[in-house]
């Protein structure tokens, strides 16, 4: 099995600054994300391996995602400590006057470093001469300020979860000179099953069990390689997931006439650009409370969302109520009308959007329990674990004071 894993391409090697010489040995940091893993899944009794991490390390009551509760904005917040409104990944779908259109399905945009503001952990580490490696993470496919991880892989949803783990274990088993000081590992399977079948479906629960077994593979692999005390493991999710019952969708054409506004982002956090000469008509249709959603000017969004200042945020943002989507009528017509689905992107304060935080390793005390905190607080911890000073960020360095690294 090890030979087979070694045969898998390790990613894209990148020329980086010379590594720091004669540096004291420090544990590597492995940041793992299970996309769409809702906080209450940990209490279903079907995640014995995640329970192993909690029993031998740290578990938070939950972690609050940033607004909007979407995949790209929150993953990038975790590694920069900046809220989406500051790092610029304000949605999974965006428009920039200079750069054009951004979406998950546009690799030329995803790989363009000009979209990605702030300084993610791997860029800081590389600039300090420390090797890094990313097994998928939003932002890691781009040269941000001209810097990439030492090793990185373009996202490939077909790569099995077990293979992802084995490749990362191979990286962490390398000699100190090439072993990544900071690495990431990302799983998308649960998010897909939850979207297609609902977060409480048989399919979603099967994905939870399978991914927990994959986490077990990771834990057993670290132990077998003698790496338990050489790796600080942090497991998070980007957001939770809410149930969307059949028929709970609003046509965006019913929200505002297409002659008055252009749709920028659909889904749950819905954005509109006002068309010239039609601003008053668009605002009259959109602004205020509606039966299944509420709309604001970008400068009047709720303060607790810390959202609306960035140029990429559309002029009007509408937030759907929990369990409701907004889609163009054409897409609604092509969508099964009798199938329960799942969605995120709802208000971060909702229990259904709560994410997870677990950690274990030489820097963490066993059996530590933390109250809920915001996901911007993860970045200062990661930087402390790596041994670097954090860049300016929106996190609270004292939020996880109990987790300050001990070595």
Protein backbone atom coordinates (compact mmCIF):
# COMPACT_ATOMS: atom_id res chain seq x y z
CA UNK A 1 0.00 0.00 0.00
CA UNK A 2 2.82 2.43 0.85
CA UNK A 3 4.49 1.73 -2.47
CA UNK A 4 1.25 2.37 -4.29
CA UNK A 5 0.80 5.67 -2.47
CA UNK A 6 4.34 6.72 -3.30
CA UNK A 7 3.52 6.20 -6.96
CA UNK A 8 0.75 8.80 -6.84
CA UNK A 9 1.99 12.20 -8.09
CA UNK A 10 2.68 14.43 -5.10
CA UNK A 11 1.36 17.59 -6.71
CA UNK A 12 2.96 20.60 -8.33
CA UNK A 13 6.44 21.34 -6.92
CA UNK A 14 7.15 25.04 -6.75
CA UNK A 15 10.43 26.89 -6.47
CA UNK A 16 10.40 28.76 -3.16
CA UNK A 17 12.86 30.60 -0.89
CA UNK A 18 15.64 28.58 0.68
CA UNK A 19 14.54 26.75 3.81
CA UNK A 20 15.55 28.06 7.19
CA UNK A 21 18.72 26.34 8.40
CA UNK A 22 19.30 24.79 11.81
CA UNK A 23 15.75 25.55 12.94
CA UNK A 24 14.52 23.78 16.10
CA UNK A 25 12.24 20.81 15.47
CA UNK A 26 8.56 21.79 15.59
CA UNK A 27 5.45 19.71 15.02
CA UNK A 28 3.76 19.98 11.65
CA UNK A 29 0.21 21.36 11.45
CA UNK A 30 -2.42 19.46 9.47
CA UNK A 31 -5.66 21.37 8.87
CA UNK A 32 -8.51 19.07 7.78
CA UNK A 33 -11.88 20.26 6.50
CA UNK A 34 -15.03 18.15 6.14
CA UNK A 35 -17.21 20.35 3.97
CA UNK A 36 -20.78 20.69 5.22
CA UNK A 37 -20.24 18.85 8.53
CA UNK A 38 -22.88 20.29 10.85
CA UNK A 39 -21.93 20.58 14.51
CA UNK A 40 -24.70 18.32 15.81
CA UNK A 41 -23.49 15.43 13.63
CA UNK A 42 -20.87 14.79 16.32
CA UNK A 43 -23.69 13.76 18.68
CA UNK A 44 -25.29 11.17 16.39
CA UNK A 45 -23.10 8.37 17.71
CA UNK A 46 -21.80 7.47 14.24
CA UNK A 47 -18.40 9.21 14.37
CA UNK A 48 -16.17 7.14 16.69
CA UNK A 49 -12.95 8.41 15.13
CA UNK A 50 -13.85 12.07 15.45
CA UNK A 51 -14.81 11.18 19.02
CA UNK A 52 -11.25 9.84 19.46
CA UNK A 53 -9.91 13.27 18.57
CA UNK A 54 -12.23 14.97 21.05
CA UNK A 55 -11.34 12.49 23.82
CA UNK A 56 -7.60 12.92 23.33
CA UNK A 57 -7.65 16.63 22.54
CA UNK A 58 -10.04 19.53 22.04
CA UNK A 59 -13.66 19.93 21.05
CA UNK A 60 -15.53 23.21 20.70
CA UNK A 61 -19.25 23.40 21.38
CA UNK A 62 -19.43 24.62 17.78
CA UNK A 63 -17.78 27.14 15.49
CA UNK A 64 -19.63 30.08 13.96
CA UNK A 65 -19.07 30.47 10.21
CA UNK A 66 -18.68 33.89 8.61
CA UNK A 67 -21.26 35.48 6.33
CA UNK A 68 -22.08 34.26 3.76
CA UNK A 69 -22.04 30.65 4.96
CA UNK A 70 -20.58 29.32 1.72
CA UNK A 71 -17.61 27.11 0.90
CA UNK A 72 -15.00 29.39 -0.67
CA UNK A 73 -15.52 32.42 1.60
CA UNK A 74 -15.29 30.39 4.80
CA UNK A 75 -12.39 28.16 3.82
CA UNK A 76 -10.36 31.22 2.96
CA UNK A 77 -11.40 32.95 6.19
CA UNK A 78 -10.06 29.99 8.19
CA UNK A 79 -6.56 30.40 6.74
CA UNK A 80 -6.40 34.22 6.69
CA UNK A 81 -8.36 35.27 9.78
CA UNK A 82 -10.14 37.81 7.60
CA UNK A 83 -13.86 37.92 7.07
CA UNK A 84 -15.03 37.55 3.45
CA UNK A 85 -15.77 41.26 3.24
CA UNK A 86 -12.04 41.90 3.82
CA UNK A 87 -10.28 39.10 1.96
CA UNK A 88 -12.46 39.61 -1.11
CA UNK A 89 -13.90 36.11 -1.64
CA UNK A 90 -17.34 37.46 -0.86
CA UNK A 91 -19.30 34.59 -2.42
CA UNK A 92 -18.81 31.39 -4.40
CA UNK A 93 -19.92 33.47 -7.38
CA UNK A 94 -18.70 37.04 -7.83
CA UNK A 95 -18.10 39.82 -10.33
CA UNK A 96 -15.17 42.22 -10.32
CA UNK A 97 -15.00 45.24 -12.63
CA UNK A 98 -11.35 44.56 -13.48
CA UNK A 99 -11.25 40.76 -13.28
CA UNK A 100 -14.64 39.74 -14.63
CA UNK A 101 -16.56 36.70 -13.37
CA UNK A 102 -15.59 34.26 -10.62
CA UNK A 103 -17.23 30.94 -9.85
CA UNK A 104 -16.21 27.50 -8.63
CA UNK A 105 -16.51 26.19 -12.17
CA UNK A 106 -14.07 28.72 -13.68
CA UNK A 107 -10.54 27.36 -13.08
CA UNK A 108 -8.97 30.37 -14.76
CA UNK A 109 -10.52 32.59 -12.08
CA UNK A 110 -9.96 30.21 -9.16
CA UNK A 111 -6.28 30.05 -10.10
CA UNK A 112 -5.87 33.83 -10.47
CA UNK A 113 -4.12 35.21 -7.40
CA UNK A 114 -5.60 38.68 -7.93
CA UNK A 115 -8.94 37.49 -6.53
CA UNK A 116 -7.43 36.32 -3.24
CA UNK A 117 -6.69 39.02 -0.67
CA UNK A 118 -4.93 38.65 2.65
CA UNK A 119 -2.07 36.27 3.39
CA UNK A 120 -3.03 32.63 3.96
CA UNK A 121 -0.96 30.52 6.33
CA UNK A 122 0.88 28.71 3.56
CA UNK A 123 2.08 31.98 2.00
CA UNK A 124 3.44 33.22 5.33
CA UNK A 125 5.16 29.89 5.91
CA UNK A 126 6.68 29.76 2.43
CA UNK A 127 7.96 33.33 2.81
CA UNK A 128 9.59 32.23 6.06
CA UNK A 129 11.32 29.36 4.26
CA UNK A 130 9.03 26.64 5.64
CA UNK A 131 7.66 23.91 3.32
CA UNK A 132 3.89 23.61 2.93
CA UNK A 133 1.55 21.25 1.07
CA UNK A 134 -2.16 21.44 0.25
CA UNK A 135 -4.44 18.54 -0.58
CA UNK A 136 -7.13 20.88 -1.93
CA UNK A 137 -8.06 24.15 -0.24
CA UNK A 138 -9.74 27.20 -1.75
CA UNK A 139 -7.00 29.64 -2.69
CA UNK A 140 -4.20 27.08 -2.86
CA UNK A 141 -4.45 26.75 -6.66
CA UNK A 142 -3.48 30.40 -7.10
CA UNK A 143 -0.13 32.16 -6.77
CA UNK A 144 -1.10 34.65 -4.05
CA UNK A 145 1.36 37.55 -4.07
CA UNK A 146 3.36 35.30 -6.37
CA UNK A 147 3.62 32.46 -3.82
CA UNK A 148 2.22 28.93 -3.96
CA UNK A 149 2.51 26.03 -1.53
CA UNK A 150 5.60 23.88 -2.09
CA UNK A 151 3.21 21.14 -3.19
CA UNK A 152 -0.39 21.61 -4.22
CA UNK A 153 -3.02 19.81 -6.25
CA UNK A 154 -5.81 21.20 -8.43
CA UNK A 155 -9.14 20.10 -7.02
CA UNK A 156 -10.28 16.68 -8.21
CA UNK A 157 -13.56 15.47 -6.74
CA UNK A 158 -12.95 11.98 -8.14
CA UNK A 159 -9.87 11.40 -5.99
CA UNK A 160 -11.00 8.94 -3.27
CA UNK A 161 -10.92 10.15 0.31
CA UNK A 162 -8.60 7.31 1.34
CA UNK A 163 -6.13 8.22 -1.40
CA UNK A 164 -6.12 11.83 -0.23
CA UNK A 165 -5.24 10.64 3.26
CA UNK A 166 -2.48 8.34 2.06
CA UNK A 167 -0.82 11.09 0.03
CA UNK A 168 -0.86 13.46 3.00
CA UNK A 169 0.54 10.74 5.28
CA UNK A 170 3.35 10.33 2.79
CA UNK A 171 4.13 14.03 2.97
CA UNK A 172 4.15 14.03 6.76
CA UNK A 173 6.45 10.98 6.84
CA UNK A 174 9.23 12.76 4.96
CA UNK A 175 12.49 13.97 6.55
CA UNK A 176 12.39 17.27 8.38
CA UNK A 177 13.90 19.19 5.47
CA UNK A 178 10.95 18.45 3.15
CA UNK A 179 8.14 17.59 5.57
CA UNK A 180 5.47 20.29 5.36
CA UNK A 181 5.28 22.54 8.39
CA UNK A 182 1.72 23.31 7.36
CA UNK A 183 -0.54 21.04 5.30
CA UNK A 184 -4.23 20.87 4.41
CA UNK A 185 -6.64 18.04 3.64
CA UNK A 186 -10.14 18.56 2.27
CA UNK A 187 -13.18 16.28 1.91
CA UNK A 188 -16.20 17.29 -0.19
CA UNK A 189 -18.28 14.08 -0.22
CA UNK A 190 -20.65 14.92 2.65
CA UNK A 191 -21.48 18.33 1.18
CA UNK A 192 -22.52 16.71 -2.11
CA UNK A 193 -24.70 14.04 -0.51
CA UNK A 194 -26.36 16.60 1.75
CA UNK A 195 -27.12 18.93 -1.14
CA UNK A 196 -28.59 16.12 -3.23
CA UNK A 197 -30.57 14.26 -0.56
CA UNK A 198 -30.85 16.49 2.51
CA UNK A 199 -28.62 16.77 5.60
CA UNK A 200 -30.54 14.16 7.61
CA UNK A 201 -30.88 11.65 4.78
CA UNK A 202 -29.64 8.07 4.73
CA UNK A 203 -27.13 9.13 2.07
CA UNK A 204 -25.74 11.97 4.17
CA UNK A 205 -25.40 9.73 7.23
CA UNK A 206 -23.63 7.12 5.12
CA UNK A 207 -21.17 9.81 3.98
CA UNK A 208 -20.60 10.83 7.60
CA UNK A 209 -19.75 7.23 8.53
CA UNK A 210 -17.45 6.83 5.54
CA UNK A 211 -15.59 10.06 6.22
CA UNK A 212 -15.26 9.21 9.89
CA UNK A 213 -13.66 5.91 8.85
CA UNK A 214 -11.31 7.95 6.64
CA UNK A 215 -10.40 10.07 9.66
CA UNK A 216 -9.70 6.79 11.45
CA UNK A 217 -7.36 5.85 8.58
CA UNK A 218 -5.55 9.15 9.12
CA UNK A 219 -5.25 8.66 12.89
CA UNK A 220 -4.06 5.08 12.55
CA UNK A 221 -1.62 6.12 9.83
CA UNK A 222 -0.10 8.82 12.02
CA UNK A 223 0.25 6.36 14.91
CA UNK A 224 1.80 3.65 12.73
CA UNK A 225 4.41 6.11 11.49
CA UNK A 226 5.23 7.38 14.97
CA UNK A 227 3.84 10.82 14.15
CA UNK A 228 1.35 11.30 16.97
CA UNK A 229 3.72 13.72 18.69
CA UNK A 230 4.97 15.24 15.43
CA UNK A 231 1.65 16.52 14.05
CA UNK A 232 -0.86 18.96 15.48
CA UNK A 233 -4.16 17.97 13.87
CA UNK A 234 -6.98 20.51 13.51
CA UNK A 235 -10.34 19.34 12.08
CA UNK A 236 -12.94 21.90 11.00
CA UNK A 237 -15.89 22.38 8.71
CA UNK A 238 -16.81 25.46 6.74
CA UNK A 239 -20.52 25.53 7.58
CA UNK A 240 -23.44 23.27 8.40
CA UNK A 241 -26.45 22.37 6.28
CA UNK A 242 -30.22 22.99 6.41
CA UNK A 243 -33.06 20.96 4.94
CA UNK A 244 -34.84 22.36 1.88
CA UNK A 245 -38.20 20.67 1.45
CA UNK A 246 -39.64 20.08 -2.04
CA UNK A 247 -41.01 23.26 -3.58
CA UNK A 248 -39.26 25.63 -1.18
CA UNK A 249 -37.68 27.78 -3.85
CA UNK A 250 -38.39 31.32 -5.04
CA UNK A 251 -37.89 32.37 -8.66
CA UNK A 252 -35.53 35.34 -8.80
CA UNK A 253 -37.68 36.82 -11.58
CA UNK A 254 -40.45 37.12 -8.98
CA UNK A 255 -38.13 39.00 -6.63
CA UNK A 256 -37.37 41.76 -9.14
CA UNK A 257 -38.17 42.26 -12.81
CA UNK A 258 -35.14 41.47 -15.03
CA UNK A 259 -35.55 44.89 -16.68
CA UNK A 260 -34.77 46.50 -13.31
CA UNK A 261 -31.83 44.49 -11.95
CA UNK A 262 -29.27 41.90 -12.99
CA UNK A 263 -28.81 38.76 -10.90
CA UNK A 264 -25.22 38.44 -9.62
CA UNK A 265 -25.54 35.61 -7.09
CA UNK A 266 -28.38 33.14 -6.58
CA UNK A 267 -28.98 30.54 -3.91
CA UNK A 268 -29.39 31.74 -0.34
CA UNK A 269 -27.36 34.98 -0.19
CA UNK A 270 -28.77 36.57 -3.32
CA UNK A 271 -27.17 39.62 -4.93
CA UNK A 272 -28.50 42.05 -7.53
CA UNK A 273 -26.87 44.83 -9.56
CA UNK A 274 -29.21 47.70 -10.39
CA UNK A 275 -29.61 48.53 -14.06
CA UNK A 276 -29.00 52.14 -15.17
CA UNK A 277 -32.10 54.26 -14.94
CA UNK A 278 -34.01 51.50 -13.14
CA UNK A 279 -32.49 51.92 -9.68
CA UNK A 280 -35.61 53.30 -8.00
CA UNK A 281 -37.87 50.64 -9.50
CA UNK A 282 -35.48 47.85 -8.45
CA UNK A 283 -35.18 49.13 -4.92
CA UNK A 284 -38.94 49.51 -4.61
CA UNK A 285 -39.36 45.84 -5.53
CA UNK A 286 -36.50 44.45 -3.49
CA UNK A 287 -35.81 46.37 -0.29
CA UNK A 288 -37.41 45.27 2.95
CA UNK A 289 -39.00 42.18 4.38
CA UNK A 290 -40.77 39.70 2.09
CA UNK A 291 -42.55 36.43 2.80
CA UNK A 292 -39.47 34.17 2.40
CA UNK A 293 -36.55 36.60 2.41
CA UNK A 294 -35.31 40.08 3.30
CA UNK A 295 -33.27 42.54 1.20
CA UNK A 296 -30.93 45.40 2.13
CA UNK A 297 -28.66 47.88 0.45
CA UNK A 298 -25.12 46.63 0.88
CA UNK A 299 -24.30 49.48 3.29
CA UNK A 300 -27.29 48.64 5.51
CA UNK A 301 -26.79 44.90 6.07
CA UNK A 302 -26.94 43.69 9.70
CA UNK A 303 -23.75 44.73 11.54
CA UNK A 304 -23.26 41.25 12.98
CA UNK A 305 -22.56 39.91 9.48
CA UNK A 306 -19.52 42.20 9.00
CA UNK A 307 -20.44 42.35 5.32
CA UNK A 308 -21.13 44.92 2.65
CA UNK A 309 -18.05 47.15 2.34
CA UNK A 310 -16.17 45.26 -0.36
CA UNK A 311 -16.60 46.41 -3.95
CA UNK A 312 -17.49 42.87 -5.04
CA UNK A 313 -20.57 42.74 -2.80
CA UNK A 314 -23.56 43.52 -5.05
CA UNK A 315 -25.49 46.75 -4.39
CA UNK A 316 -28.48 44.85 -2.98
CA UNK A 317 -28.22 41.62 -0.99
CA UNK A 318 -31.22 39.46 -0.15
CA UNK A 319 -31.00 36.76 2.51
CA UNK A 320 -33.31 33.79 2.11
CA UNK A 321 -35.08 32.36 5.15
CA UNK A 322 -33.78 29.04 6.42
CA UNK A 323 -34.84 26.20 4.17
CA UNK A 324 -35.56 28.36 1.11
CA UNK A 325 -33.55 28.84 -2.09
CA UNK A 326 -33.75 31.46 -4.83
CA UNK A 327 -33.03 30.34 -8.40
CA UNK A 328 -33.73 31.51 -11.94
CA UNK A 329 -37.01 30.08 -13.17
CA UNK A 330 -35.25 28.07 -15.87
CA UNK A 331 -33.14 26.25 -13.28
CA UNK A 332 -36.18 25.58 -11.11
CA UNK A 333 -37.89 23.91 -14.07
CA UNK A 334 -34.95 21.50 -14.41
CA UNK A 335 -34.86 20.63 -10.73
CA UNK A 336 -36.73 17.68 -9.21
CA UNK A 337 -39.87 19.02 -7.53
CA UNK A 338 -40.43 16.11 -5.14
CA UNK A 339 -36.94 15.68 -3.70
CA UNK A 340 -35.78 16.92 -0.31
CA UNK A 341 -32.50 18.77 -0.66
CA UNK A 342 -29.98 20.52 1.52
CA UNK A 343 -28.55 24.04 1.37
CA UNK A 344 -26.27 26.35 3.31
CA UNK A 345 -25.67 30.06 2.87
CA UNK A 346 -28.23 30.97 5.52
CA UNK A 347 -27.78 33.24 8.54
CA UNK A 348 -24.61 32.18 10.44
CA UNK A 349 -26.51 32.46 13.73
CA UNK A 350 -28.75 29.50 12.87
CA UNK A 351 -27.92 26.17 14.58
CA UNK A 352 -28.13 24.46 11.19
CA UNK A 353 -25.13 26.52 9.99
CA UNK A 354 -22.88 25.71 12.95
CA UNK A 355 -19.51 24.19 12.03
CA UNK A 356 -17.11 21.95 13.99
CA UNK A 357 -13.70 22.43 15.57
CA UNK A 358 -11.64 19.53 16.91
CA UNK A 359 -7.90 19.33 17.57
CA UNK A 360 -5.29 17.05 19.04
CA UNK A 361 -1.51 16.79 19.13
CA UNK A 362 1.46 17.77 21.26
CA UNK A 363 0.30 21.38 21.57
CA UNK A 364 -3.15 20.54 22.95
CA UNK A 365 -4.30 19.43 26.36
CA UNK A 366 -6.41 16.28 26.43
CA UNK A 367 -10.11 16.56 27.09
CA UNK A 368 -10.31 20.34 26.60
CA UNK A 369 -13.75 21.76 25.90
CA UNK A 370 -14.24 25.20 24.40
CA UNK A 371 -17.30 27.42 24.15
CA UNK A 372 -18.44 28.47 20.69
CA UNK A 373 -16.25 30.95 18.82
CA UNK A 374 -16.04 32.57 15.37
CA UNK A 375 -14.03 30.91 12.63
CA UNK A 376 -11.82 34.00 12.22
CA UNK A 377 -10.26 32.94 15.53
CA UNK A 378 -8.72 29.80 14.00
CA UNK A 379 -6.07 31.69 12.03
CA UNK A 380 -4.16 33.14 15.03
CA UNK A 381 -4.03 29.63 16.51
CA UNK A 382 -2.71 28.13 13.27
CA UNK A 383 -0.01 30.77 13.03
CA UNK A 384 1.04 30.13 16.64
CA UNK A 385 1.22 26.41 15.93
CA UNK A 386 3.37 27.02 12.85
CA UNK A 387 5.55 29.40 14.87
CA UNK A 388 4.92 32.62 12.96
CA UNK A 389 3.51 36.03 13.80
CA UNK A 390 0.00 36.44 12.36
CA UNK A 391 -0.72 39.15 9.82
CA UNK A 392 -3.40 41.71 10.74
CA UNK A 393 -6.68 39.83 11.00
CA UNK A 394 -10.23 39.88 12.36
CA UNK A 395 -9.69 37.07 14.86
CA UNK A 396 -9.57 37.29 18.63
CA UNK A 397 -6.21 35.98 19.78
CA UNK A 398 -7.67 35.42 23.26
CA UNK A 399 -10.69 33.41 22.07
CA UNK A 400 -8.67 30.21 22.29
CA UNK A 401 -6.17 31.26 24.93
CA UNK A 402 -6.58 27.83 26.52
CA UNK A 403 -5.08 26.36 23.34
CA UNK A 404 -1.88 28.38 23.18
CA UNK A 405 0.79 26.00 21.97
CA UNK A 406 2.87 24.40 24.72
CA UNK A 407 5.65 23.45 22.31
